[in-house]
Amino acid sequence: MSAEGIKRPIQIEEFKVAIRELGDGELQRVQDEINNNIRHLSRSNKSLLAYIAKIEGKTTKDEMEEFEELDNVDADDLELFKESLTENELILKNNEERIDALEQEHIFRTSRTDSNVCGMGPSMNEPAPTPKTNEPTSIYL
C-alpha cells in the first residue's frame, strides 16, 4: 500500500488551518458530518453502557426494556465493551473540539464581514487570499 493511500485523522491544529480554506457551504457540510458522527457515537455509548451494566449486574428495568438485545450480551465481551467505550469517548472529545473550531471560524468570518461593512475591513496593503484550485477541498476527520 502506498503512503498516499493511508488516511489518518487530522490533528486539531491542522484542522483549524484547513477549514480556513473552505467555503461556507463546505464548512456547513463538515459540521453536519461531525454532528452526525457525534449522534451515532453517543447512541453507541448508550448501548455500550447498558451492555456493561448488564454484565456487571447493574441493569435497570428501563434499560432492559430499551435494549432488547441485552439478553444476548456475553460476559466475555466486558473488556471489549469497556475499550470501545473509552475509544468512543476520545473520538467524541475530538469531534467536540472540531465543532468548537468550526464555530470559532464561523464567528471569525461573521465578524470579519461585519467589519468590512463598517469600513474596518482588511488593509489595502494585505494580499488577497489566493484560491488553490488544484487542491481537494475535503478534510479527513
N, C-alpha and C. Protein backbone atom coordinates (compact mmCIF):
# COMPACT_ATOMS: atom_id res chain seq x y z
N MET A 1 0.85 -1.17 0.00
CA MET A 1 0.00 0.00 0.00
C MET A 1 0.89 1.24 0.00
N SER A 2 0.56 2.18 -0.84
CA SER A 2 1.37 3.39 -0.91
C SER A 2 1.01 4.33 0.23
N ALA A 3 1.92 5.23 0.53
CA ALA A 3 1.69 6.19 1.60
C ALA A 3 0.52 7.11 1.27
N GLU A 4 0.27 7.32 -0.02
CA GLU A 4 -0.84 8.18 -0.42
C GLU A 4 -2.19 7.56 -0.06
N GLY A 5 -2.25 6.23 0.03
CA GLY A 5 -3.49 5.55 0.32
C GLY A 5 -3.82 5.50 1.80
N ILE A 6 -2.90 5.89 2.64
CA ILE A 6 -3.11 5.84 4.09
C ILE A 6 -3.77 7.14 4.55
N LYS A 7 -4.88 6.99 5.26
CA LYS A 7 -5.53 8.16 5.83
C LYS A 7 -5.35 8.12 7.33
N ARG A 8 -5.10 9.26 7.91
CA ARG A 8 -5.01 9.36 9.35
C ARG A 8 -5.90 10.51 9.78
N PRO A 9 -6.42 10.44 10.98
CA PRO A 9 -7.23 11.57 11.45
C PRO A 9 -6.38 12.83 11.50
N ILE A 10 -6.95 13.92 11.07
CA ILE A 10 -6.25 15.18 11.06
C ILE A 10 -6.21 15.72 12.50
N GLN A 11 -5.06 16.23 12.91
CA GLN A 11 -4.92 16.79 14.25
C GLN A 11 -5.68 18.12 14.32
N ILE A 12 -6.09 18.52 15.50
CA ILE A 12 -6.95 19.68 15.66
C ILE A 12 -6.31 20.96 15.11
N GLU A 13 -5.02 21.14 15.31
CA GLU A 13 -4.37 22.35 14.80
C GLU A 13 -4.36 22.35 13.27
N GLU A 14 -4.11 21.19 12.67
CA GLU A 14 -4.18 21.07 11.21
C GLU A 14 -5.60 21.33 10.73
N PHE A 15 -6.57 20.84 11.47
CA PHE A 15 -7.98 21.03 11.13
C PHE A 15 -8.32 22.51 11.10
N LYS A 16 -7.88 23.24 12.13
CA LYS A 16 -8.16 24.68 12.21
C LYS A 16 -7.58 25.42 11.01
N VAL A 17 -6.40 25.03 10.58
CA VAL A 17 -5.78 25.66 9.42
C VAL A 17 -6.54 25.27 8.15
N ALA A 18 -6.88 24.00 8.03
CA ALA A 18 -7.53 23.50 6.81
C ALA A 18 -8.90 24.12 6.59
N ILE A 19 -9.67 24.35 7.65
CA ILE A 19 -11.02 24.87 7.46
C ILE A 19 -11.02 26.33 7.01
N ARG A 20 -9.92 27.02 7.18
CA ARG A 20 -9.84 28.40 6.71
C ARG A 20 -9.97 28.48 5.20
N GLU A 21 -9.57 27.41 4.52
CA GLU A 21 -9.59 27.38 3.06
C GLU A 21 -10.95 26.99 2.49
N LEU A 22 -11.86 26.52 3.32
CA LEU A 22 -13.14 26.02 2.84
C LEU A 22 -14.16 27.14 2.70
N GLY A 23 -15.06 26.95 1.74
CA GLY A 23 -16.17 27.88 1.59
C GLY A 23 -17.20 27.65 2.69
N ASP A 24 -18.13 28.58 2.81
CA ASP A 24 -19.14 28.48 3.86
C ASP A 24 -19.98 27.21 3.73
N GLY A 25 -20.35 26.85 2.51
CA GLY A 25 -21.14 25.64 2.29
C GLY A 25 -20.39 24.38 2.70
N GLU A 26 -19.12 24.34 2.37
CA GLU A 26 -18.29 23.19 2.74
C GLU A 26 -18.10 23.12 4.25
N LEU A 27 -17.95 24.28 4.89
CA LEU A 27 -17.85 24.31 6.36
C LEU A 27 -19.11 23.71 6.99
N GLN A 28 -20.26 24.09 6.45
CA GLN A 28 -21.52 23.58 6.98
C GLN A 28 -21.62 22.07 6.77
N ARG A 29 -21.17 21.58 5.62
CA ARG A 29 -21.20 20.15 5.34
C ARG A 29 -20.32 19.39 6.33
N VAL A 30 -19.13 19.92 6.60
CA VAL A 30 -18.22 19.29 7.56
C VAL A 30 -18.85 19.29 8.95
N GLN A 31 -19.47 20.41 9.33
CA GLN A 31 -20.10 20.49 10.65
C GLN A 31 -21.26 19.49 10.75
N ASP A 32 -22.06 19.39 9.70
CA ASP A 32 -23.17 18.42 9.70
C ASP A 32 -22.65 17.00 9.83
N GLU A 33 -21.57 16.69 9.13
CA GLU A 33 -20.99 15.35 9.19
C GLU A 33 -20.47 15.03 10.60
N ILE A 34 -19.81 16.00 11.21
CA ILE A 34 -19.29 15.78 12.56
C ILE A 34 -20.44 15.63 13.56
N ASN A 35 -21.47 16.46 13.43
CA ASN A 35 -22.63 16.33 14.32
C ASN A 35 -23.30 14.97 14.16
N ASN A 36 -23.36 14.46 12.94
CA ASN A 36 -23.91 13.13 12.69
C ASN A 36 -23.05 12.07 13.38
N ASN A 37 -21.73 12.21 13.28
CA ASN A 37 -20.82 11.28 13.96
C ASN A 37 -21.04 11.30 15.47
N ILE A 38 -21.22 12.50 16.01
CA ILE A 38 -21.44 12.64 17.45
C ILE A 38 -22.73 11.93 17.87
N ARG A 39 -23.79 12.10 17.08
CA ARG A 39 -25.06 11.42 17.40
C ARG A 39 -24.89 9.90 17.40
N HIS A 40 -24.20 9.37 16.38
CA HIS A 40 -24.00 7.92 16.30
C HIS A 40 -23.14 7.41 17.45
N LEU A 41 -22.06 8.10 17.76
CA LEU A 41 -21.19 7.68 18.86
C LEU A 41 -21.92 7.76 20.21
N SER A 42 -22.72 8.78 20.39
CA SER A 42 -23.47 8.91 21.65
C SER A 42 -24.46 7.76 21.80
N ARG A 43 -25.13 7.42 20.71
CA ARG A 43 -26.08 6.30 20.75
C ARG A 43 -25.33 4.99 21.02
N SER A 44 -24.18 4.82 20.38
CA SER A 44 -23.36 3.63 20.59
C SER A 44 -22.90 3.54 22.05
N ASN A 45 -22.47 4.67 22.60
CA ASN A 45 -22.02 4.68 24.00
C ASN A 45 -23.16 4.33 24.96
N LYS A 46 -24.35 4.79 24.66
CA LYS A 46 -25.50 4.46 25.50
C LYS A 46 -25.72 2.94 25.51
N SER A 47 -25.60 2.32 24.34
CA SER A 47 -25.73 0.86 24.25
C SER A 47 -24.61 0.17 25.01
N LEU A 48 -23.37 0.64 24.80
CA LEU A 48 -22.23 0.03 25.48
C LEU A 48 -22.38 0.11 27.00
N LEU A 49 -22.83 1.25 27.49
CA LEU A 49 -23.03 1.40 28.93
C LEU A 49 -24.09 0.42 29.44
N ALA A 50 -25.13 0.21 28.65
CA ALA A 50 -26.16 -0.76 29.04
C ALA A 50 -25.60 -2.18 29.03
N TYR A 51 -24.77 -2.51 28.04
CA TYR A 51 -24.16 -3.85 27.98
C TYR A 51 -23.26 -4.08 29.20
N ILE A 52 -22.47 -3.06 29.52
CA ILE A 52 -21.56 -3.17 30.67
C ILE A 52 -22.36 -3.33 31.96
N ALA A 53 -23.41 -2.53 32.09
CA ALA A 53 -24.26 -2.63 33.29
C ALA A 53 -24.90 -4.02 33.39
N LYS A 54 -25.32 -4.58 32.27
CA LYS A 54 -25.93 -5.92 32.27
C LYS A 54 -24.92 -6.95 32.77
N ILE A 55 -23.71 -6.91 32.23
CA ILE A 55 -22.69 -7.88 32.61
C ILE A 55 -22.33 -7.73 34.09
N GLU A 56 -22.28 -6.48 34.56
CA GLU A 56 -21.92 -6.23 35.96
C GLU A 56 -23.12 -6.36 36.89
N GLY A 57 -24.28 -6.72 36.35
CA GLY A 57 -25.47 -6.92 37.18
C GLY A 57 -26.10 -5.63 37.67
N LYS A 58 -25.91 -4.55 36.95
CA LYS A 58 -26.43 -3.24 37.38
C LYS A 58 -27.47 -2.69 36.41
N THR A 59 -28.11 -3.55 35.65
CA THR A 59 -29.07 -3.11 34.65
C THR A 59 -30.38 -2.69 35.30
N THR A 60 -30.91 -1.56 34.85
CA THR A 60 -32.21 -1.11 35.34
C THR A 60 -33.32 -1.71 34.49
N LYS A 61 -34.53 -1.65 35.00
CA LYS A 61 -35.69 -2.17 34.26
C LYS A 61 -35.88 -1.40 32.95
N ASP A 62 -35.67 -0.08 33.00
CA ASP A 62 -35.80 0.73 31.79
C ASP A 62 -34.80 0.31 30.73
N GLU A 63 -33.57 0.04 31.14
CA GLU A 63 -32.54 -0.41 30.19
C GLU A 63 -32.92 -1.75 29.58
N MET A 64 -33.46 -2.64 30.40
CA MET A 64 -33.86 -3.95 29.90
C MET A 64 -34.94 -3.81 28.84
N GLU A 65 -35.86 -2.87 29.03
CA GLU A 65 -36.93 -2.65 28.06
C GLU A 65 -36.41 -1.95 26.82
N GLU A 66 -35.51 -0.99 26.99
CA GLU A 66 -35.00 -0.21 25.85
C GLU A 66 -34.05 -1.02 24.98
N PHE A 67 -33.23 -1.84 25.58
CA PHE A 67 -32.23 -2.61 24.85
C PHE A 67 -32.59 -4.09 24.90
N GLU A 68 -33.43 -4.50 23.97
CA GLU A 68 -33.89 -5.89 23.94
C GLU A 68 -32.74 -6.86 23.73
N GLU A 69 -31.68 -6.41 23.06
CA GLU A 69 -30.56 -7.30 22.77
C GLU A 69 -29.70 -7.60 24.01
N LEU A 70 -30.04 -7.02 25.15
CA LEU A 70 -29.27 -7.28 26.37
C LEU A 70 -29.27 -8.75 26.76
N ASP A 71 -30.29 -9.47 26.34
CA ASP A 71 -30.34 -10.91 26.64
C ASP A 71 -29.21 -11.67 25.96
N ASN A 72 -28.69 -11.10 24.87
CA ASN A 72 -27.65 -11.77 24.08
C ASN A 72 -26.24 -11.31 24.42
N VAL A 73 -26.08 -10.47 25.43
CA VAL A 73 -24.77 -9.94 25.79
C VAL A 73 -23.96 -11.04 26.48
N ASP A 74 -22.73 -11.20 26.02
CA ASP A 74 -21.84 -12.23 26.55
C ASP A 74 -20.86 -11.59 27.55
N ALA A 75 -20.75 -12.17 28.71
CA ALA A 75 -19.86 -11.64 29.75
C ALA A 75 -18.40 -11.59 29.30
N ASP A 76 -18.03 -12.45 28.34
CA ASP A 76 -16.65 -12.44 27.83
C ASP A 76 -16.33 -11.16 27.08
N ASP A 77 -17.34 -10.40 26.72
CA ASP A 77 -17.14 -9.17 25.94
C ASP A 77 -16.98 -7.92 26.81
N LEU A 78 -16.95 -8.08 28.12
CA LEU A 78 -16.89 -6.92 29.01
C LEU A 78 -15.71 -6.01 28.68
N GLU A 79 -14.52 -6.57 28.54
CA GLU A 79 -13.34 -5.75 28.25
C GLU A 79 -13.46 -5.06 26.90
N LEU A 80 -13.99 -5.77 25.91
CA LEU A 80 -14.20 -5.17 24.59
C LEU A 80 -15.15 -3.98 24.69
N PHE A 81 -16.24 -4.13 25.43
CA PHE A 81 -17.19 -3.04 25.60
C PHE A 81 -16.55 -1.85 26.29
N LYS A 82 -15.76 -2.11 27.32
CA LYS A 82 -15.10 -1.02 28.05
C LYS A 82 -14.08 -0.31 27.17
N GLU A 83 -13.29 -1.08 26.40
CA GLU A 83 -12.31 -0.47 25.49
C GLU A 83 -13.01 0.35 24.42
N SER A 84 -14.09 -0.19 23.87
CA SER A 84 -14.84 0.52 22.84
C SER A 84 -15.41 1.82 23.39
N LEU A 85 -15.92 1.78 24.60
CA LEU A 85 -16.46 2.98 25.24
C LEU A 85 -15.37 4.03 25.42
N THR A 86 -14.20 3.61 25.87
CA THR A 86 -13.08 4.54 26.06
C THR A 86 -12.67 5.17 24.73
N GLU A 87 -12.56 4.36 23.69
CA GLU A 87 -12.20 4.89 22.37
C GLU A 87 -13.25 5.86 21.86
N ASN A 88 -14.52 5.49 22.01
CA ASN A 88 -15.60 6.37 21.56
C ASN A 88 -15.58 7.71 22.29
N GLU A 89 -15.29 7.68 23.58
CA GLU A 89 -15.24 8.92 24.35
C GLU A 89 -14.11 9.83 23.86
N LEU A 90 -12.98 9.24 23.50
CA LEU A 90 -11.88 10.02 22.94
C LEU A 90 -12.28 10.64 21.60
N ILE A 91 -12.92 9.86 20.76
CA ILE A 91 -13.36 10.36 19.46
C ILE A 91 -14.41 11.46 19.64
N LEU A 92 -15.32 11.27 20.60
CA LEU A 92 -16.32 12.31 20.88
C LEU A 92 -15.64 13.61 21.30
N LYS A 93 -14.64 13.51 22.15
CA LYS A 93 -13.91 14.71 22.59
C LYS A 93 -13.26 15.40 21.39
N ASN A 94 -12.64 14.62 20.51
CA ASN A 94 -12.02 15.18 19.32
C ASN A 94 -13.06 15.85 18.42
N ASN A 95 -14.21 15.20 18.26
CA ASN A 95 -15.26 15.78 17.43
C ASN A 95 -15.80 17.08 18.04
N GLU A 96 -15.92 17.12 19.35
CA GLU A 96 -16.38 18.34 20.00
C GLU A 96 -15.38 19.47 19.82
N GLU A 97 -14.09 19.16 19.83
CA GLU A 97 -13.06 20.17 19.56
C GLU A 97 -13.21 20.70 18.14
N ARG A 98 -13.53 19.83 17.21
CA ARG A 98 -13.71 20.25 15.82
C ARG A 98 -14.95 21.14 15.66
N ILE A 99 -16.02 20.78 16.36
CA ILE A 99 -17.22 21.62 16.32
C ILE A 99 -16.90 23.00 16.89
N ASP A 100 -16.15 23.06 17.98
CA ASP A 100 -15.73 24.34 18.55
C ASP A 100 -14.91 25.14 17.53
N ALA A 101 -13.99 24.47 16.84
CA ALA A 101 -13.16 25.14 15.84
C ALA A 101 -14.02 25.68 14.70
N LEU A 102 -14.99 24.90 14.26
CA LEU A 102 -15.89 25.35 13.19
C LEU A 102 -16.71 26.56 13.64
N GLU A 103 -17.18 26.53 14.87
CA GLU A 103 -17.95 27.66 15.40
C GLU A 103 -17.07 28.91 15.50
N GLN A 104 -15.82 28.74 15.93
CA GLN A 104 -14.90 29.88 16.00
C GLN A 104 -14.62 30.44 14.61
N GLU A 105 -14.46 29.56 13.63
CA GLU A 105 -14.24 30.01 12.25
C GLU A 105 -15.45 30.78 11.75
N HIS A 106 -16.64 30.29 12.06
CA HIS A 106 -17.86 30.99 11.65
C HIS A 106 -17.93 32.37 12.30
N ILE A 107 -17.62 32.45 13.60
CA ILE A 107 -17.62 33.73 14.30
C ILE A 107 -16.60 34.67 13.67
N PHE A 108 -15.41 34.15 13.36
CA PHE A 108 -14.38 34.97 12.73
C PHE A 108 -14.86 35.52 11.40
N ARG A 109 -15.45 34.65 10.58
CA ARG A 109 -15.92 35.08 9.26
C ARG A 109 -17.05 36.10 9.39
N THR A 110 -17.94 35.86 10.32
CA THR A 110 -19.06 36.78 10.51
C THR A 110 -18.57 38.13 11.00
N SER A 111 -17.65 38.14 11.95
CA SER A 111 -17.14 39.40 12.48
C SER A 111 -16.32 40.13 11.43
N ARG A 112 -15.61 39.38 10.60
CA ARG A 112 -14.82 39.99 9.53
C ARG A 112 -15.75 40.63 8.51
N THR A 113 -16.84 39.96 8.18
CA THR A 113 -17.80 40.51 7.23
C THR A 113 -18.45 41.75 7.81
N ASP A 114 -18.81 41.70 9.10
CA ASP A 114 -19.40 42.86 9.76
C ASP A 114 -18.42 44.03 9.78
N SER A 115 -17.13 43.76 9.98
CA SER A 115 -16.11 44.81 9.99
C SER A 115 -15.98 45.42 8.62
N ASN A 116 -16.05 44.60 7.58
CA ASN A 116 -15.93 45.10 6.21
C ASN A 116 -17.08 46.03 5.88
N VAL A 117 -18.28 45.73 6.36
CA VAL A 117 -19.43 46.56 6.10
C VAL A 117 -19.25 47.93 6.75
N CYS A 118 -18.63 47.96 7.91
CA CYS A 118 -18.43 49.21 8.64
C CYS A 118 -17.19 49.97 8.17
N GLY A 119 -16.52 49.49 7.14
CA GLY A 119 -15.33 50.15 6.65
C GLY A 119 -14.09 49.81 7.42
N MET A 120 -14.13 48.73 8.20
CA MET A 120 -12.98 48.35 9.01
C MET A 120 -12.40 47.05 8.51
N GLY A 121 -12.49 46.82 7.23
CA GLY A 121 -12.04 45.57 6.63
C GLY A 121 -10.53 45.49 6.59
N PRO A 122 -10.01 44.50 5.88
CA PRO A 122 -8.57 44.33 5.80
C PRO A 122 -7.91 45.52 5.12
N SER A 123 -6.71 45.77 5.50
CA SER A 123 -5.94 46.86 4.92
C SER A 123 -5.69 46.62 3.45
N MET A 124 -5.58 47.69 2.68
CA MET A 124 -5.29 47.57 1.25
C MET A 124 -3.89 47.01 1.03
N ASN A 125 -3.05 47.05 2.05
CA ASN A 125 -1.70 46.53 1.92
C ASN A 125 -1.62 45.02 2.10
N GLU A 126 -2.71 44.41 2.58
CA GLU A 126 -2.72 42.97 2.79
C GLU A 126 -3.00 42.27 1.47
N PRO A 127 -2.25 41.21 1.19
CA PRO A 127 -2.52 40.49 -0.05
C PRO A 127 -3.85 39.75 0.03
N ALA A 128 -4.52 39.68 -1.10
CA ALA A 128 -5.78 38.93 -1.16
C ALA A 128 -5.46 37.45 -1.12
N PRO A 129 -6.32 36.65 -0.50
CA PRO A 129 -6.07 35.20 -0.49
C PRO A 129 -6.14 34.64 -1.90
N THR A 130 -5.23 33.73 -2.18
CA THR A 130 -5.17 33.11 -3.49
C THR A 130 -5.89 31.78 -3.44
N PRO A 131 -6.94 31.61 -4.27
CA PRO A 131 -7.61 30.31 -4.27
C PRO A 131 -6.71 29.24 -4.85
N LYS A 132 -6.78 28.06 -4.28
CA LYS A 132 -5.96 26.94 -4.73
C LYS A 132 -6.87 25.96 -5.44
N THR A 133 -6.95 26.07 -6.73
CA THR A 133 -7.90 25.27 -7.50
C THR A 133 -7.46 23.84 -7.70
N ASN A 134 -6.19 23.54 -7.51
CA ASN A 134 -5.71 22.19 -7.75
C ASN A 134 -5.70 21.31 -6.51
N GLU A 135 -6.18 21.83 -5.37
CA GLU A 135 -6.17 21.06 -4.14
C GLU A 135 -7.58 20.57 -3.81
N PRO A 136 -7.68 19.35 -3.26
CA PRO A 136 -9.01 18.87 -2.86
C PRO A 136 -9.52 19.68 -1.68
N THR A 137 -10.84 19.79 -1.59
CA THR A 137 -11.41 20.58 -0.51
C THR A 137 -11.91 19.74 0.64
N SER A 138 -11.78 18.43 0.55
CA SER A 138 -12.29 17.60 1.63
C SER A 138 -11.26 17.47 2.74
N ILE A 139 -11.77 17.29 3.94
CA ILE A 139 -10.92 17.13 5.12
C ILE A 139 -11.24 15.79 5.73
N TYR A 140 -10.24 14.95 5.91
CA TYR A 140 -10.47 13.68 6.58
C TYR A 140 -10.58 13.97 8.06
N LEU A 141 -11.71 13.58 8.63
CA LEU A 141 -12.00 13.88 10.03
C LEU A 141 -11.29 12.91 10.92
